[in-house]
Amino acid sequence: MMSRRFQPFRSMRQLNKFENFIFITGGILMVAGVGCCVFDIFTNIMSLVFLAGTLMFASMQALQRYEGKSVVIRRLRRIMLIADVLFVVAGLLMAERAWQWLFPHMATTLDGYETYMRFIHNNWVVVLLIAAILEMYTMHRISNELAKED
């Protein structure tokens, strides 16, 4: 029998097998999409793979609700949801970099080109880094807080 210490997220709603499959598949698609986009391997398709993975991952993580009364864990869950939104924004920025849907509309003038380069081009990396740091922080803290709660 597992000890109580190694059962994280006990007072969190657990995903069923199908939801867990979607969650893990989304994470795998996210890693594959980022890896391929970083090394310029099938960038157009892999940006959409990353975006699909983020939607799967974020939606399943949003289904994991906290059923306890700790204000700290509720705050950490909100931060985790912000990280999920940032993952989706990173996916949209990555798809824009690959497909350049906005570029022809924004780059009609020198100011538009400069704005595009400053705010959109390759900024998916920064957004992804912030989301990943927030995600790791909240996962670690939620696990510790749930262990304290028991």
N, C-alpha and C. Protein backbone atom coordinates (compact mmCIF):
# COMPACT_ATOMS: atom_id res chain seq x y z
N MET A 1 0.84 -1.18 0.00
CA MET A 1 0.00 0.00 0.00
C MET A 1 0.88 1.24 0.00
N MET A 2 0.50 2.23 -0.78
CA MET A 2 1.26 3.47 -0.86
C MET A 2 1.09 4.29 0.40
N SER A 3 2.17 4.95 0.77
CA SER A 3 2.05 5.82 1.94
C SER A 3 1.25 7.06 1.56
N ARG A 4 0.75 7.74 2.57
CA ARG A 4 -0.08 8.93 2.32
C ARG A 4 0.71 10.05 1.68
N ARG A 5 2.01 10.08 1.93
CA ARG A 5 2.83 11.17 1.42
C ARG A 5 2.94 11.15 -0.11
N PHE A 6 2.89 9.98 -0.72
CA PHE A 6 3.09 9.86 -2.16
C PHE A 6 1.78 9.79 -2.94
N GLN A 7 0.73 10.38 -2.41
CA GLN A 7 -0.55 10.44 -3.12
C GLN A 7 -0.95 11.90 -3.28
N PRO A 8 -0.31 12.61 -4.20
CA PRO A 8 -0.64 14.02 -4.37
C PRO A 8 -2.03 14.20 -4.97
N PHE A 9 -2.59 15.37 -4.73
CA PHE A 9 -3.87 15.79 -5.31
C PHE A 9 -5.03 14.90 -4.86
N ARG A 10 -5.00 14.41 -3.60
CA ARG A 10 -6.09 13.59 -3.11
C ARG A 10 -7.38 14.39 -2.98
N SER A 11 -7.30 15.65 -2.55
CA SER A 11 -8.53 16.42 -2.44
C SER A 11 -8.82 17.19 -3.73
N MET A 12 -8.15 16.82 -4.80
CA MET A 12 -8.44 17.38 -6.11
C MET A 12 -9.27 16.34 -6.86
N ARG A 13 -10.15 16.83 -7.72
CA ARG A 13 -10.95 15.91 -8.53
C ARG A 13 -10.01 15.17 -9.48
N GLN A 14 -10.04 13.86 -9.42
CA GLN A 14 -9.18 13.04 -10.27
C GLN A 14 -9.82 12.86 -11.65
N LEU A 15 -8.98 12.80 -12.65
CA LEU A 15 -9.46 12.57 -14.01
C LEU A 15 -9.74 11.09 -14.21
N ASN A 16 -10.75 10.79 -15.04
CA ASN A 16 -10.98 9.39 -15.37
C ASN A 16 -9.95 8.95 -16.41
N LYS A 17 -10.00 7.70 -16.83
CA LYS A 17 -8.98 7.16 -17.73
C LYS A 17 -8.93 7.88 -19.07
N PHE A 18 -10.10 8.19 -19.62
CA PHE A 18 -10.14 8.88 -20.91
C PHE A 18 -9.59 10.30 -20.79
N GLU A 19 -9.99 11.01 -19.73
CA GLU A 19 -9.48 12.37 -19.51
C GLU A 19 -7.98 12.35 -19.25
N ASN A 20 -7.52 11.36 -18.51
CA ASN A 20 -6.09 11.22 -18.25
C ASN A 20 -5.32 10.95 -19.54
N PHE A 21 -5.90 10.15 -20.43
CA PHE A 21 -5.28 9.89 -21.73
C PHE A 21 -5.17 11.18 -22.54
N ILE A 22 -6.22 11.99 -22.55
CA ILE A 22 -6.19 13.27 -23.26
C ILE A 22 -5.14 14.19 -22.65
N PHE A 23 -5.07 14.22 -21.33
CA PHE A 23 -4.10 15.06 -20.61
C PHE A 23 -2.67 14.68 -20.98
N ILE A 24 -2.36 13.40 -20.92
CA ILE A 24 -1.00 12.94 -21.23
C ILE A 24 -0.69 13.12 -22.71
N THR A 25 -1.65 12.84 -23.57
CA THR A 25 -1.44 13.03 -25.01
C THR A 25 -1.19 14.51 -25.32
N GLY A 26 -1.94 15.39 -24.68
CA GLY A 26 -1.72 16.82 -24.87
C GLY A 26 -0.32 17.24 -24.46
N GLY A 27 0.16 16.72 -23.33
CA GLY A 27 1.52 17.04 -22.89
C GLY A 27 2.57 16.55 -23.87
N ILE A 28 2.37 15.34 -24.40
CA ILE A 28 3.30 14.79 -25.38
C ILE A 28 3.30 15.61 -26.66
N LEU A 29 2.11 16.01 -27.11
CA LEU A 29 2.02 16.84 -28.32
C LEU A 29 2.68 18.20 -28.11
N MET A 30 2.54 18.74 -26.90
CA MET A 30 3.19 20.03 -26.60
C MET A 30 4.71 19.90 -26.71
N VAL A 31 5.27 18.86 -26.10
CA VAL A 31 6.73 18.66 -26.13
C VAL A 31 7.21 18.41 -27.56
N ALA A 32 6.49 17.59 -28.30
CA ALA A 32 6.88 17.30 -29.69
C ALA A 32 6.79 18.56 -30.55
N GLY A 33 5.73 19.34 -30.36
CA GLY A 33 5.57 20.56 -31.14
C GLY A 33 6.65 21.58 -30.86
N VAL A 34 6.97 21.78 -29.61
CA VAL A 34 8.03 22.74 -29.26
C VAL A 34 9.38 22.26 -29.78
N GLY A 35 9.67 20.98 -29.58
CA GLY A 35 10.95 20.45 -30.04
C GLY A 35 11.15 20.61 -31.53
N CYS A 36 10.12 20.29 -32.29
CA CYS A 36 10.22 20.41 -33.75
C CYS A 36 10.29 21.87 -34.19
N CYS A 37 9.56 22.75 -33.53
CA CYS A 37 9.60 24.17 -33.92
C CYS A 37 10.93 24.81 -33.57
N VAL A 38 11.53 24.40 -32.47
CA VAL A 38 12.83 24.95 -32.09
C VAL A 38 13.89 24.56 -33.12
N PHE A 39 13.83 23.33 -33.60
CA PHE A 39 14.82 22.85 -34.56
C PHE A 39 14.36 22.99 -36.01
N ASP A 40 13.29 23.75 -36.26
CA ASP A 40 12.77 24.01 -37.61
C ASP A 40 12.47 22.74 -38.40
N ILE A 41 11.81 21.80 -37.75
CA ILE A 41 11.40 20.56 -38.40
C ILE A 41 9.88 20.62 -38.57
N PHE A 42 9.41 20.68 -39.79
CA PHE A 42 7.97 20.74 -40.09
C PHE A 42 7.28 21.81 -39.24
N THR A 43 7.82 23.01 -39.25
CA THR A 43 7.36 24.08 -38.36
C THR A 43 5.88 24.39 -38.52
N ASN A 44 5.39 24.43 -39.75
CA ASN A 44 3.98 24.77 -39.96
C ASN A 44 3.05 23.77 -39.30
N ILE A 45 3.29 22.50 -39.52
CA ILE A 45 2.40 21.48 -38.98
C ILE A 45 2.62 21.32 -37.47
N MET A 46 3.87 21.37 -37.03
CA MET A 46 4.15 21.15 -35.62
C MET A 46 3.65 22.31 -34.75
N SER A 47 3.52 23.50 -35.31
CA SER A 47 2.94 24.59 -34.53
C SER A 47 1.46 24.31 -34.24
N LEU A 48 0.77 23.72 -35.20
CA LEU A 48 -0.62 23.34 -34.97
C LEU A 48 -0.73 22.14 -34.03
N VAL A 49 0.25 21.23 -34.10
CA VAL A 49 0.29 20.11 -33.16
C VAL A 49 0.46 20.63 -31.74
N PHE A 50 1.37 21.61 -31.56
CA PHE A 50 1.57 22.21 -30.24
C PHE A 50 0.29 22.89 -29.75
N LEU A 51 -0.37 23.62 -30.63
CA LEU A 51 -1.61 24.30 -30.25
C LEU A 51 -2.69 23.29 -29.86
N ALA A 52 -2.81 22.21 -30.60
CA ALA A 52 -3.79 21.17 -30.24
C ALA A 52 -3.43 20.54 -28.89
N GLY A 53 -2.14 20.31 -28.67
CA GLY A 53 -1.69 19.75 -27.40
C GLY A 53 -1.98 20.68 -26.23
N THR A 54 -1.78 21.97 -26.43
CA THR A 54 -2.05 22.92 -25.34
C THR A 54 -3.54 22.97 -25.02
N LEU A 55 -4.37 22.90 -26.04
CA LEU A 55 -5.81 22.90 -25.79
C LEU A 55 -6.23 21.65 -25.03
N MET A 56 -5.66 20.51 -25.38
CA MET A 56 -5.99 19.27 -24.68
C MET A 56 -5.49 19.32 -23.23
N PHE A 57 -4.24 19.73 -23.06
CA PHE A 57 -3.62 19.79 -21.74
C PHE A 57 -4.35 20.77 -20.82
N ALA A 58 -4.59 21.97 -21.32
CA ALA A 58 -5.22 23.02 -20.50
C ALA A 58 -6.66 22.67 -20.15
N SER A 59 -7.39 22.10 -21.08
CA SER A 59 -8.79 21.77 -20.79
C SER A 59 -8.90 20.66 -19.75
N MET A 60 -8.03 19.68 -19.82
CA MET A 60 -8.08 18.60 -18.83
C MET A 60 -7.59 19.08 -17.46
N GLN A 61 -6.63 19.98 -17.46
CA GLN A 61 -6.15 20.51 -16.19
C GLN A 61 -7.22 21.40 -15.54
N ALA A 62 -8.00 22.06 -16.34
CA ALA A 62 -9.09 22.89 -15.81
C ALA A 62 -10.18 22.02 -15.18
N LEU A 63 -10.30 20.78 -15.62
CA LEU A 63 -11.30 19.87 -15.04
C LEU A 63 -10.92 19.39 -13.65
N GLN A 64 -9.64 19.44 -13.32
CA GLN A 64 -9.19 19.03 -11.99
C GLN A 64 -9.49 20.14 -11.00
N ARG A 65 -10.60 20.02 -10.31
CA ARG A 65 -11.01 21.04 -9.36
C ARG A 65 -10.54 20.68 -7.96
N TYR A 66 -10.30 21.72 -7.17
CA TYR A 66 -9.93 21.52 -5.78
C TYR A 66 -11.20 21.48 -4.95
N GLU A 67 -11.35 20.46 -4.13
CA GLU A 67 -12.58 20.28 -3.36
C GLU A 67 -12.40 20.61 -1.88
N GLY A 68 -11.25 21.15 -1.51
CA GLY A 68 -11.00 21.49 -0.12
C GLY A 68 -11.32 22.94 0.19
N LYS A 69 -10.84 23.40 1.33
CA LYS A 69 -11.15 24.75 1.78
C LYS A 69 -9.93 25.65 1.91
N SER A 70 -8.75 25.20 1.51
CA SER A 70 -7.53 25.98 1.65
C SER A 70 -7.50 27.14 0.65
N VAL A 71 -7.32 28.33 1.20
CA VAL A 71 -7.25 29.53 0.35
C VAL A 71 -5.97 29.52 -0.48
N VAL A 72 -4.89 28.99 0.09
CA VAL A 72 -3.61 28.94 -0.61
C VAL A 72 -3.71 28.07 -1.86
N ILE A 73 -4.33 26.91 -1.71
CA ILE A 73 -4.46 26.01 -2.86
C ILE A 73 -5.39 26.59 -3.90
N ARG A 74 -6.44 27.28 -3.47
CA ARG A 74 -7.33 27.94 -4.44
C ARG A 74 -6.58 29.01 -5.23
N ARG A 75 -5.73 29.77 -4.55
CA ARG A 75 -4.93 30.79 -5.23
C ARG A 75 -3.95 30.14 -6.20
N LEU A 76 -3.33 29.06 -5.78
CA LEU A 76 -2.39 28.37 -6.66
C LEU A 76 -3.11 27.77 -7.88
N ARG A 77 -4.33 27.31 -7.70
CA ARG A 77 -5.11 26.80 -8.84
C ARG A 77 -5.40 27.92 -9.85
N ARG A 78 -5.69 29.11 -9.33
CA ARG A 78 -5.92 30.24 -10.24
C ARG A 78 -4.66 30.58 -11.02
N ILE A 79 -3.52 30.54 -10.35
CA ILE A 79 -2.25 30.78 -11.04
C ILE A 79 -2.01 29.71 -12.10
N MET A 80 -2.36 28.47 -11.77
CA MET A 80 -2.21 27.38 -12.73
C MET A 80 -3.10 27.59 -13.95
N LEU A 81 -4.29 28.10 -13.75
CA LEU A 81 -5.18 28.39 -14.88
C LEU A 81 -4.63 29.53 -15.74
N ILE A 82 -3.97 30.50 -15.10
CA ILE A 82 -3.30 31.56 -15.86
C ILE A 82 -2.18 30.96 -16.72
N ALA A 83 -1.44 30.02 -16.15
CA ALA A 83 -0.39 29.34 -16.92
C ALA A 83 -0.98 28.59 -18.10
N ASP A 84 -2.14 27.98 -17.91
CA ASP A 84 -2.80 27.28 -19.02
C ASP A 84 -3.19 28.25 -20.14
N VAL A 85 -3.69 29.41 -19.76
CA VAL A 85 -4.03 30.42 -20.76
C VAL A 85 -2.77 30.88 -21.49
N LEU A 86 -1.67 31.03 -20.76
CA LEU A 86 -0.41 31.43 -21.40
C LEU A 86 0.11 30.35 -22.34
N PHE A 87 -0.11 29.07 -22.01
CA PHE A 87 0.25 28.00 -22.94
C PHE A 87 -0.51 28.14 -24.26
N VAL A 88 -1.80 28.44 -24.17
CA VAL A 88 -2.61 28.60 -25.38
C VAL A 88 -2.15 29.83 -26.17
N VAL A 89 -1.83 30.93 -25.47
CA VAL A 89 -1.32 32.13 -26.15
C VAL A 89 0.00 31.82 -26.84
N ALA A 90 0.87 31.06 -26.18
CA ALA A 90 2.13 30.66 -26.81
C ALA A 90 1.87 29.84 -28.06
N GLY A 91 0.88 28.97 -28.02
CA GLY A 91 0.52 28.19 -29.20
C GLY A 91 0.02 29.05 -30.34
N LEU A 92 -0.78 30.05 -30.01
CA LEU A 92 -1.27 30.96 -31.05
C LEU A 92 -0.12 31.78 -31.65
N LEU A 93 0.79 32.24 -30.80
CA LEU A 93 1.94 33.00 -31.31
C LEU A 93 2.86 32.12 -32.15
N MET A 94 3.00 30.86 -31.75
CA MET A 94 3.83 29.93 -32.53
C MET A 94 3.19 29.67 -33.89
N ALA A 95 1.87 29.50 -33.92
CA ALA A 95 1.18 29.30 -35.19
C ALA A 95 1.27 30.54 -36.07
N GLU A 96 1.22 31.72 -35.46
CA GLU A 96 1.37 32.97 -36.23
C GLU A 96 2.77 33.06 -36.82
N ARG A 97 3.77 32.65 -36.07
CA ARG A 97 5.14 32.68 -36.59
C ARG A 97 5.28 31.74 -37.78
N ALA A 98 4.64 30.59 -37.70
CA ALA A 98 4.76 29.60 -38.78
C ALA A 98 3.93 29.96 -40.00
N TRP A 99 2.71 30.40 -39.78
CA TRP A 99 1.78 30.63 -40.89
C TRP A 99 1.69 32.08 -41.33
N GLN A 100 2.06 33.01 -40.47
CA GLN A 100 2.07 34.46 -40.74
C GLN A 100 0.74 34.96 -41.30
N TRP A 101 -0.31 34.74 -40.52
CA TRP A 101 -1.63 35.23 -40.90
C TRP A 101 -1.73 36.74 -40.73
N LEU A 102 -1.15 37.28 -39.68
CA LEU A 102 -1.25 38.71 -39.40
C LEU A 102 -0.18 39.55 -40.09
N PHE A 103 0.93 38.93 -40.45
CA PHE A 103 2.07 39.67 -40.99
C PHE A 103 1.72 40.51 -42.22
N PRO A 104 1.04 39.98 -43.22
CA PRO A 104 0.74 40.82 -44.39
C PRO A 104 -0.15 42.02 -44.07
N HIS A 105 -0.97 41.89 -43.03
CA HIS A 105 -1.86 42.98 -42.66
C HIS A 105 -1.16 44.02 -41.81
N MET A 106 -0.19 43.59 -41.02
CA MET A 106 0.48 44.52 -40.12
C MET A 106 1.70 45.17 -40.76
N ALA A 107 2.36 44.48 -41.65
CA ALA A 107 3.62 44.95 -42.20
C ALA A 107 3.44 45.81 -43.44
N THR A 108 2.34 46.51 -43.55
CA THR A 108 2.13 47.38 -44.72
C THR A 108 2.93 48.67 -44.58
N THR A 109 3.26 49.03 -43.36
CA THR A 109 4.09 50.22 -43.13
C THR A 109 5.30 49.81 -42.28
N LEU A 110 6.26 50.70 -42.18
CA LEU A 110 7.44 50.42 -41.38
C LEU A 110 7.07 50.31 -39.89
N ASP A 111 6.14 51.15 -39.44
CA ASP A 111 5.70 51.07 -38.05
C ASP A 111 4.97 49.76 -37.78
N GLY A 112 4.16 49.32 -38.72
CA GLY A 112 3.46 48.05 -38.56
C GLY A 112 4.42 46.88 -38.53
N TYR A 113 5.45 46.94 -39.38
CA TYR A 113 6.46 45.89 -39.39
C TYR A 113 7.20 45.85 -38.06
N GLU A 114 7.56 47.03 -37.55
CA GLU A 114 8.27 47.11 -36.27
C GLU A 114 7.39 46.60 -35.12
N THR A 115 6.11 46.93 -35.15
CA THR A 115 5.19 46.45 -34.13
C THR A 115 5.05 44.94 -34.19
N TYR A 116 4.95 44.40 -35.38
CA TYR A 116 4.86 42.94 -35.54
C TYR A 116 6.10 42.26 -34.98
N MET A 117 7.26 42.77 -35.33
CA MET A 117 8.51 42.16 -34.87
C MET A 117 8.66 42.29 -33.35
N ARG A 118 8.20 43.37 -32.79
CA ARG A 118 8.36 43.59 -31.36
C ARG A 118 7.40 42.73 -30.54
N PHE A 119 6.15 42.62 -30.95
CA PHE A 119 5.15 42.00 -30.10
C PHE A 119 4.75 40.57 -30.50
N ILE A 120 5.00 40.17 -31.74
CA ILE A 120 4.50 38.86 -32.18
C ILE A 120 5.62 37.91 -32.58
N HIS A 121 6.53 38.34 -33.40
CA HIS A 121 7.55 37.45 -33.98
C HIS A 121 8.43 36.84 -32.89
N ASN A 122 8.41 35.52 -32.77
CA ASN A 122 9.22 34.73 -31.83
C ASN A 122 8.98 35.03 -30.36
N ASN A 123 7.94 35.75 -30.01
CA ASN A 123 7.65 35.98 -28.60
C ASN A 123 6.93 34.79 -27.97
N TRP A 124 6.60 33.78 -28.76
CA TRP A 124 6.01 32.58 -28.19
C TRP A 124 6.97 31.92 -27.22
N VAL A 125 8.27 32.08 -27.43
CA VAL A 125 9.26 31.48 -26.55
C VAL A 125 9.17 32.09 -25.15
N VAL A 126 9.03 33.41 -25.08
CA VAL A 126 8.94 34.09 -23.79
C VAL A 126 7.66 33.69 -23.06
N VAL A 127 6.56 33.69 -23.77
CA VAL A 127 5.28 33.32 -23.16
C VAL A 127 5.31 31.86 -22.69
N LEU A 128 5.90 30.99 -23.48
CA LEU A 128 6.01 29.58 -23.10
C LEU A 128 6.89 29.41 -21.87
N LEU A 129 7.96 30.15 -21.79
CA LEU A 129 8.85 30.07 -20.62
C LEU A 129 8.13 30.52 -19.36
N ILE A 130 7.40 31.62 -19.43
CA ILE A 130 6.64 32.10 -18.27
C ILE A 130 5.59 31.08 -17.85
N ALA A 131 4.88 30.52 -18.82
CA ALA A 131 3.85 29.52 -18.51
C ALA A 131 4.47 28.27 -17.88
N ALA A 132 5.60 27.83 -18.39
CA ALA A 132 6.24 26.63 -17.84
C ALA A 132 6.73 26.87 -16.41
N ILE A 133 7.28 28.03 -16.14
CA ILE A 133 7.74 28.35 -14.79
C ILE A 133 6.56 28.41 -13.83
N LEU A 134 5.48 29.08 -14.24
CA LEU A 134 4.29 29.13 -13.39
C LEU A 134 3.71 27.74 -13.14
N GLU A 135 3.70 26.92 -14.17
CA GLU A 135 3.15 25.56 -14.05
C GLU A 135 3.98 24.73 -13.07
N MET A 136 5.30 24.77 -13.21
CA MET A 136 6.15 23.99 -12.31
C MET A 136 6.03 24.49 -10.87
N TYR A 137 5.99 25.80 -10.68
CA TYR A 137 5.86 26.36 -9.34
C TYR A 137 4.55 25.93 -8.68
N THR A 138 3.46 26.06 -9.40
CA THR A 138 2.17 25.74 -8.80
C THR A 138 2.03 24.24 -8.55
N MET A 139 2.53 23.40 -9.45
CA MET A 139 2.45 21.96 -9.22
C MET A 139 3.21 21.56 -7.96
N HIS A 140 4.39 22.12 -7.79
CA HIS A 140 5.19 21.82 -6.61
C HIS A 140 4.52 22.32 -5.33
N ARG A 141 4.04 23.56 -5.37
CA ARG A 141 3.42 24.14 -4.18
C ARG A 141 2.11 23.46 -3.83
N ILE A 142 1.29 23.12 -4.82
CA ILE A 142 0.01 22.44 -4.55
C ILE A 142 0.30 21.08 -3.92
N SER A 143 1.28 20.38 -4.44
CA SER A 143 1.63 19.08 -3.87
C SER A 143 2.05 19.21 -2.41
N ASN A 144 2.87 20.21 -2.12
CA ASN A 144 3.29 20.42 -0.73
C ASN A 144 2.13 20.85 0.17
N GLU A 145 1.27 21.71 -0.34
CA GLU A 145 0.14 22.18 0.48
C GLU A 145 -0.85 21.04 0.74
N LEU A 146 -1.06 20.18 -0.23
CA LEU A 146 -1.96 19.04 -0.01
C LEU A 146 -1.35 18.06 0.99
N ALA A 147 -0.04 17.93 0.99
CA ALA A 147 0.61 17.06 1.97
C ALA A 147 0.46 17.65 3.37
N LYS A 148 0.56 18.97 3.49
CA LYS A 148 0.36 19.63 4.79
C LYS A 148 -1.08 19.48 5.27
N GLU A 149 -2.01 19.54 4.32
CA GLU A 149 -3.45 19.46 4.66
C GLU A 149 -3.79 18.12 5.29
N ASP A 150 -3.09 17.06 4.86
CA ASP A 150 -3.37 15.73 5.41
C ASP A 150 -2.63 15.60 6.71
